[in-house]
Protein backbone atom coordinates (compact mmCIF):
# COMPACT_ATOMS: atom_id res chain seq x y z
CA UNK A 1 -4.56 6.08 6.84
CA UNK A 2 -5.90 6.99 2.96
CA UNK A 3 -3.61 7.00 -0.06
CA UNK A 4 -3.67 6.55 -3.31
CA UNK A 5 -7.26 8.15 -3.46
CA UNK A 6 -7.62 9.83 -6.71
CA UNK A 7 -10.00 12.17 -7.69
CA UNK A 8 -13.07 11.34 -8.70
CA UNK A 9 -15.52 12.74 -11.73
CA UNK A 10 -18.69 14.20 -9.95
CA UNK A 11 -21.28 11.79 -8.88
CA UNK A 12 -24.06 13.56 -9.79
CA UNK A 13 -24.96 12.06 -13.39
CA UNK A 14 -25.19 8.64 -12.01
CA UNK A 15 -27.08 10.12 -8.72
CA UNK A 16 -29.61 10.87 -10.66
CA UNK A 17 -32.17 7.97 -10.48
CA UNK A 18 -31.92 7.44 -7.17
CA UNK A 19 -32.62 11.05 -6.12
CA UNK A 20 -35.83 11.01 -7.92
CA UNK A 21 -36.66 7.62 -6.51
CA UNK A 22 -36.04 9.86 -3.31
CA UNK A 23 -38.01 12.76 -4.84
CA UNK A 24 -41.14 10.74 -5.09
CA UNK A 25 -40.85 9.05 -1.47
CA UNK A 26 -40.54 12.34 0.19
CA UNK A 27 -43.86 13.50 -1.95
CA UNK A 28 -45.32 10.37 -0.25
CA UNK A 29 -45.00 7.92 -3.01
CA UNK A 30 -42.18 5.46 -1.66
CA UNK A 31 -39.34 3.27 -3.41
CA UNK A 32 -39.69 0.76 -5.14
CA UNK A 33 -40.47 -2.74 -2.72
CA UNK A 34 -39.93 0.29 -0.01
CA UNK A 35 -43.71 0.36 0.45
CA UNK A 36 -45.53 1.96 3.14
CA UNK A 37 -46.89 -1.58 4.18
CA UNK A 38 -43.09 -2.96 4.72
CA UNK A 39 -41.96 -0.11 6.77
CA UNK A 40 -44.90 -0.88 8.68
CA UNK A 41 -44.05 -4.22 9.74
CA UNK A 42 -40.48 -3.57 10.05
CA UNK A 43 -41.70 -0.77 12.86
CA UNK A 44 -44.08 -3.21 14.74
CA UNK A 45 -40.88 -5.99 14.65
CA UNK A 46 -39.22 -3.74 16.39
CA UNK A 47 -41.60 -2.43 18.64
CA UNK A 48 -42.91 -6.02 19.37
CA UNK A 49 -39.07 -7.49 19.80
CA UNK A 50 -38.05 -4.31 21.48
CA UNK A 51 -40.64 -4.90 24.62
CA UNK A 52 -40.67 -8.41 24.76
CA UNK A 53 -36.65 -8.17 25.24
CA UNK A 54 -37.17 -5.18 27.90
CA UNK A 55 -39.71 -7.56 29.57
CA UNK A 56 -37.63 -10.59 29.41
CA UNK A 57 -34.86 -8.55 31.34
CA UNK A 58 -32.48 -9.20 28.19
CA UNK A 59 -32.56 -5.51 26.80
CA UNK A 60 -28.69 -4.92 28.33
CA UNK A 61 -27.52 -8.06 27.45
CA UNK A 62 -28.76 -7.39 23.67
CA UNK A 63 -26.95 -3.85 23.57
CA UNK A 64 -24.22 -5.21 25.27
CA UNK A 65 -23.54 -7.87 22.74
CA UNK A 66 -23.91 -5.33 19.70
CA UNK A 67 -20.55 -3.92 20.93
CA UNK A 68 -18.73 -6.62 20.57
CA UNK A 69 -17.15 -6.71 17.35
CA UNK A 70 -15.73 -10.15 15.91
CA UNK A 71 -12.93 -9.96 13.09
CA UNK A 72 -13.37 -12.28 10.45
CA UNK A 73 -10.91 -13.69 8.67
CA UNK A 74 -11.80 -15.36 5.75
CA UNK A 75 -9.44 -16.80 2.49
CA UNK A 76 -10.85 -17.24 -0.74
CA UNK A 77 -8.71 -19.64 -3.61
CA UNK A 78 -8.88 -18.83 -7.06
CA UNK A 79 -7.21 -20.57 -9.66
CA UNK A 80 -7.16 -17.50 -12.09
CA UNK A 81 -5.91 -14.62 -9.77
CA UNK A 82 -3.36 -12.79 -10.93
CA UNK A 83 0.14 -13.51 -9.07
CA UNK A 84 0.45 -9.96 -8.31
CA UNK A 85 -2.95 -10.61 -5.95
CA UNK A 86 -1.51 -13.18 -3.98
CA UNK A 87 -2.01 -12.38 -0.46
CA UNK A 88 -4.01 -9.28 -1.76
CA UNK A 89 -6.24 -8.45 1.69
CA UNK A 90 -9.54 -6.66 1.90
CA UNK A 91 -11.14 -5.27 4.75
CA UNK A 92 -15.04 -5.47 4.15
CA UNK A 93 -17.38 -3.13 6.45
CA UNK A 94 -21.07 -2.83 6.25
CA UNK A 95 -24.04 -1.99 7.75
CA UNK A 96 -22.75 0.41 10.21
CA UNK A 97 -25.68 2.72 10.35
CA UNK A 98 -23.48 4.18 12.62
CA UNK A 99 -25.91 7.07 14.27
CA UNK A 100 -27.82 4.03 15.80
CA UNK A 101 -25.50 3.33 19.26
CA UNK A 102 -23.28 5.27 20.86
CA UNK A 103 -19.32 3.86 21.01
CA UNK A 104 -19.78 1.85 17.90
CA UNK A 105 -17.43 4.40 16.00
CA UNK A 106 -14.62 4.23 18.68
CA UNK A 107 -14.92 0.30 18.80
CA UNK A 108 -14.63 0.30 14.58
CA UNK A 109 -12.11 2.51 14.83
CA UNK A 110 -9.99 0.55 17.42
CA UNK A 111 -10.44 -2.68 15.20
CA UNK A 112 -9.63 -0.96 12.34
CA UNK A 113 -5.91 0.33 13.17
CA UNK A 114 -5.30 -2.66 13.68
CA UNK A 115 -5.83 -4.44 10.71
CA UNK A 116 -3.63 -2.84 8.15
CA UNK A 117 -4.74 -4.00 4.82
CA UNK A 118 -4.10 -3.68 0.62
CA UNK A 119 -8.05 -1.98 -0.04
CA UNK A 120 -11.06 -1.27 2.38
CA UNK A 121 -14.47 -2.03 1.10
CA UNK A 122 -18.01 -0.47 2.57
CA UNK A 123 -20.89 -1.82 1.29
CA UNK A 124 -23.98 0.24 2.20
CA UNK A 125 -25.77 1.11 4.88
CA UNK A 126 -24.53 3.91 7.11
CA UNK A 127 -27.37 5.67 9.05
CA UNK A 128 -29.61 3.84 11.37
CA UNK A 129 -33.11 4.62 9.94
CA UNK A 130 -34.12 4.68 6.33
CA UNK A 131 -35.31 8.87 6.58
CA UNK A 132 -34.44 12.27 8.59
CA UNK A 133 -31.26 13.95 9.10
CA UNK A 134 -27.86 12.38 8.45
CA UNK A 135 -25.45 15.36 10.05
CA UNK A 136 -24.79 12.46 13.04
CA UNK A 137 -23.18 10.01 10.68
CA UNK A 138 -20.24 11.86 9.15
CA UNK A 139 -18.05 12.82 12.42
CA UNK A 140 -18.25 8.90 13.35
CA UNK A 141 -17.53 7.84 10.05
CA UNK A 142 -14.60 10.27 9.90
CA UNK A 143 -13.21 8.28 13.10
CA UNK A 144 -13.52 5.24 11.65
CA UNK A 145 -11.79 6.15 7.98
CA UNK A 146 -9.05 8.24 10.09
CA UNK A 147 -8.40 4.45 11.51
CA UNK A 148 -8.27 2.49 8.72
CA UNK A 149 -4.70 1.18 7.25
CA UNK A 150 -5.54 0.65 3.54
CA UNK A 151 -2.38 0.56 0.95
CA UNK A 152 -5.13 1.35 -2.20
CA UNK A 153 -7.58 3.59 0.32
CA UNK A 154 -11.52 2.94 0.40
CA UNK A 155 -14.04 2.14 -1.67
CA UNK A 156 -17.76 2.45 -1.22
CA UNK A 157 -21.15 2.06 -2.63
CA UNK A 158 -24.92 3.25 -0.99
CA UNK A 159 -27.33 0.57 0.85
CA UNK A 160 -30.45 0.60 1.18
CA UNK A 161 -30.65 2.94 4.73
CA UNK A 162 -28.67 5.76 2.38
CA UNK A 163 -30.15 8.78 0.61
CA UNK A 164 -28.12 10.22 -2.33
CA UNK A 165 -26.10 12.59 -0.15
CA UNK A 166 -24.58 10.29 1.67
CA UNK A 167 -22.16 9.52 -1.50
CA UNK A 168 -21.47 12.85 -1.35
CA UNK A 169 -20.52 13.18 1.87
CA UNK A 170 -18.53 10.14 2.08
CA UNK A 171 -16.03 11.15 -0.82
CA UNK A 172 -15.13 14.83 1.11
CA UNK A 173 -13.84 12.31 3.75
CA UNK A 174 -11.76 10.61 0.91
CA UNK A 175 -13.90 7.30 0.25
CA UNK A 176 -14.09 6.34 -3.59
CA UNK A 177 -18.43 5.71 -4.03
CA UNK A 178 -19.42 3.77 -6.87
CA UNK A 179 -22.87 4.61 -8.65
CA UNK A 180 -22.72 1.46 -11.05
CA UNK A 181 -18.76 2.13 -11.67
CA UNK A 182 -15.75 0.24 -11.81
CA UNK A 183 -12.49 0.87 -10.88
CA UNK A 184 -8.68 -0.42 -11.02
CA UNK A 185 -6.49 -0.88 -8.07
CA UNK A 186 -3.80 -2.67 -6.79
CA UNK A 187 -0.36 -3.38 -7.95
CA UNK A 188 1.04 -3.01 -11.35
CA UNK A 189 1.92 -6.54 -11.34
CA UNK A 190 -1.53 -7.71 -10.83
CA UNK A 191 -4.66 -5.35 -10.67
CA UNK A 192 -7.85 -5.60 -9.56
CA UNK A 193 -11.35 -4.78 -11.05
CA UNK A 194 -14.02 -3.55 -8.57
CA UNK A 195 -17.32 -2.83 -9.46
CA UNK A 196 -19.88 -0.70 -7.53
CA UNK A 197 -23.60 -0.87 -7.89
CA UNK A 198 -26.11 0.94 -6.33
CA UNK A 199 -28.71 -0.63 -3.79
CA UNK A 200 -30.96 -3.19 -5.77
CA UNK A 201 -32.77 -4.05 -3.14
CA UNK A 202 -35.66 -1.33 -2.30
CA UNK A 203 -34.34 1.69 -4.61
CA UNK A 204 -33.62 -0.43 -7.48
CA UNK A 205 -30.80 1.79 -9.00
CA UNK A 206 -28.56 -1.05 -9.37
CA UNK A 207 -27.02 -1.32 -13.16
CA UNK A 208 -24.58 -4.19 -13.30
CA UNK A 209 -23.69 -3.47 -16.95
CA UNK A 210 -22.74 -0.26 -16.66
CA UNK A 211 -20.53 -1.08 -13.63
CA UNK A 212 -18.20 -3.42 -15.76
CA UNK A 213 -18.34 -1.47 -19.40
CA UNK A 214 -14.91 -0.69 -19.09
CA UNK A 215 -13.77 -4.36 -17.48
CA UNK A 216 -11.13 -6.04 -19.67
CA UNK A 217 -12.09 -9.92 -20.63
CA UNK A 218 -10.10 -12.29 -18.57
CA UNK A 219 -10.03 -9.71 -15.70
CA UNK A 220 -10.06 -10.74 -12.07
CA UNK A 221 -13.55 -8.64 -11.11
CA UNK A 222 -15.16 -7.95 -7.17
CA UNK A 223 -18.13 -6.94 -7.15
CA UNK A 224 -19.38 -4.63 -4.15
CA UNK A 225 -22.99 -4.45 -4.07
CA UNK A 226 -25.60 -3.56 -1.05
CA UNK A 227 -27.33 -7.35 -0.95
CA UNK A 228 -26.76 -10.82 -1.93
CA UNK A 229 -29.38 -10.67 -4.43
CA UNK A 230 -27.89 -10.49 -7.50
CA UNK A 231 -26.19 -13.92 -7.61
CA UNK A 232 -27.18 -14.87 -9.84
CA UNK A 233 -26.85 -11.80 -12.99
CA UNK A 234 -23.15 -11.33 -11.01
CA UNK A 235 -22.55 -14.97 -11.72
CA UNK A 236 -23.62 -14.37 -15.63
CA UNK A 237 -21.16 -11.72 -15.73
CA UNK A 238 -18.51 -13.73 -14.44
CA UNK A 239 -17.88 -12.04 -11.15
CA UNK A 240 -15.22 -13.83 -9.61
CA UNK A 241 -15.63 -12.80 -5.68
CA UNK A 242 -18.90 -10.86 -4.93
CA UNK A 243 -18.72 -8.71 -1.21
CA UNK A 244 -21.83 -7.94 0.43
CA UNK A 245 -24.14 -7.76 3.46
CA UNK A 246 -27.83 -6.05 4.43
CA UNK A 247 -28.67 -9.35 5.84
CA UNK A 248 -27.26 -8.86 8.96
CA UNK A 249 -27.02 -12.63 8.85
CA UNK A 250 -30.57 -12.16 11.36
CA UNK A 251 -29.14 -9.81 14.02
CA UNK A 252 -31.26 -12.09 16.16
CA UNK A 253 -30.85 -15.09 15.84
CA UNK A 254 -32.59 -18.13 17.87
CA UNK A 255 -31.70 -21.88 19.01
CA UNK A 256 -32.99 -24.44 16.45
CA UNK A 257 -34.99 -21.95 14.27
CA UNK A 258 -32.12 -19.23 13.14
CA UNK A 259 -32.46 -16.16 12.40
CA UNK A 260 -36.48 -13.99 12.40
CA UNK A 261 -35.73 -11.58 10.02
CA UNK A 262 -32.96 -11.65 6.68
CA UNK A 263 -34.40 -9.62 4.21
CA UNK A 264 -33.71 -10.97 1.18
CA UNK A 265 -34.73 -12.01 -2.24
CA UNK A 266 -32.05 -15.27 -2.52
CA UNK A 267 -31.39 -18.65 -1.42
CA UNK A 268 -30.82 -18.62 2.41
CA UNK A 269 -27.23 -20.27 1.90
CA UNK A 270 -25.96 -17.11 0.43
CA UNK A 271 -27.01 -14.76 3.48
CA UNK A 272 -24.47 -15.55 6.17
CA UNK A 273 -20.99 -16.04 5.55
CA UNK A 274 -18.75 -17.65 3.04
CA UNK A 275 -20.67 -19.26 -0.17
CA UNK A 276 -20.59 -20.09 -3.83
CA UNK A 277 -22.72 -19.64 -7.02
CA UNK A 278 -21.10 -21.50 -10.03
CA UNK A 279 -17.90 -20.71 -10.04
CA UNK A 280 -18.50 -17.51 -8.35
CA UNK A 281 -17.40 -17.22 -4.55
CA UNK A 282 -18.57 -14.47 -2.03
CA UNK A 283 -19.09 -13.41 1.23
CA UNK A 284 -22.05 -11.87 3.05
CA UNK A 285 -21.32 -10.45 6.30
CA UNK A 286 -23.43 -9.97 9.43
CA UNK A 287 -22.59 -6.46 9.10
CA UNK A 288 -20.98 -3.96 12.35
CA UNK A 289 -24.18 -1.92 13.68
CA UNK A 290 -27.80 -2.92 13.90
CA UNK A 291 -30.61 -2.70 11.99
CA UNK A 292 -34.35 -1.49 13.55
CA UNK A 293 -33.36 -2.41 17.32
CA UNK A 294 -29.75 -1.86 18.43
CA UNK A 295 -29.41 -5.50 19.59
CA UNK A 296 -27.87 -9.04 18.92
CA UNK A 297 -28.21 -12.06 19.96
CA UNK A 298 -27.14 -15.23 18.68
CA UNK A 299 -25.25 -13.30 15.88
CA UNK A 300 -22.55 -11.12 16.91
CA UNK A 301 -21.31 -7.94 14.45
CA UNK A 302 -17.90 -8.31 12.89
CA UNK A 303 -16.34 -6.67 10.32
CA UNK A 304 -13.92 -9.45 8.02
CA UNK A 305 -10.37 -9.62 6.50
CA UNK A 306 -10.90 -11.10 3.26
CA UNK A 307 -7.19 -12.60 1.54
CA UNK A 308 -6.86 -13.27 -1.96
CA UNK A 309 -5.25 -16.57 -2.72
CA UNK A 310 -3.38 -18.02 -6.03
CA UNK A 311 -4.67 -21.49 -6.08
CA UNK A 312 -1.88 -23.90 -7.12
């Protein structure tokens, strides 16, 4: 159930840069860092892993693991939290890749319906592939969003698998999409400023200063970014809490080795779970869906309920 959704200004002016990158990609030039070699390596890895798991008789287990969605309850304490935000609960959903696996939308909807929160945030990657049509995304996302119980609605950003049109369609479904923008939400006695940036990983269309342009000094600031790679600029800008995803926490984690792939140019400590950088705290979700292969091992999919606590 989506409440208190304010009709936003048109997103098109804020999507110009991303659309230009997409246009270059469609002409044969790829997005920054999203090179043909990188795509080839991802596809090769997916093929090798998929074949290995099939030969080892582990494919069905991996598919079953991918639908065992966990709910993480994660408290964060802040000395400077406005009193009105004490106990404020945020449902964090990321990396759903919702068209990549049958049954995931239903599982997500069932979990979300049981989690009344103050705010729901989506931190990108709604489709499975990085190309092609998106038609299968929207009915599945509608099922999930209809189940969300968020007092102040749903706020989202784009990820590296997404195209600009997804932002427009999600807004039609009631999501307030932030493309290098900030918005104030929460109770009158304790407002929360949410800043959302465009994808900094492949598209490099992020603009953190623009997202924080209208945020008053001393405000409590939550940053939504698809990847944790902005940890240093975010800390320099005084972000209090950084919510992100992208890494899937590895998705396939081997004993004594850990994740095989993370795809994030940042310290490994910032690629999974709760972390801290200076005075800024962060949470990198393992994600609800799967990338490359619809399988998981040693790394359950998750959604997280973040609770803000004012420390004594």
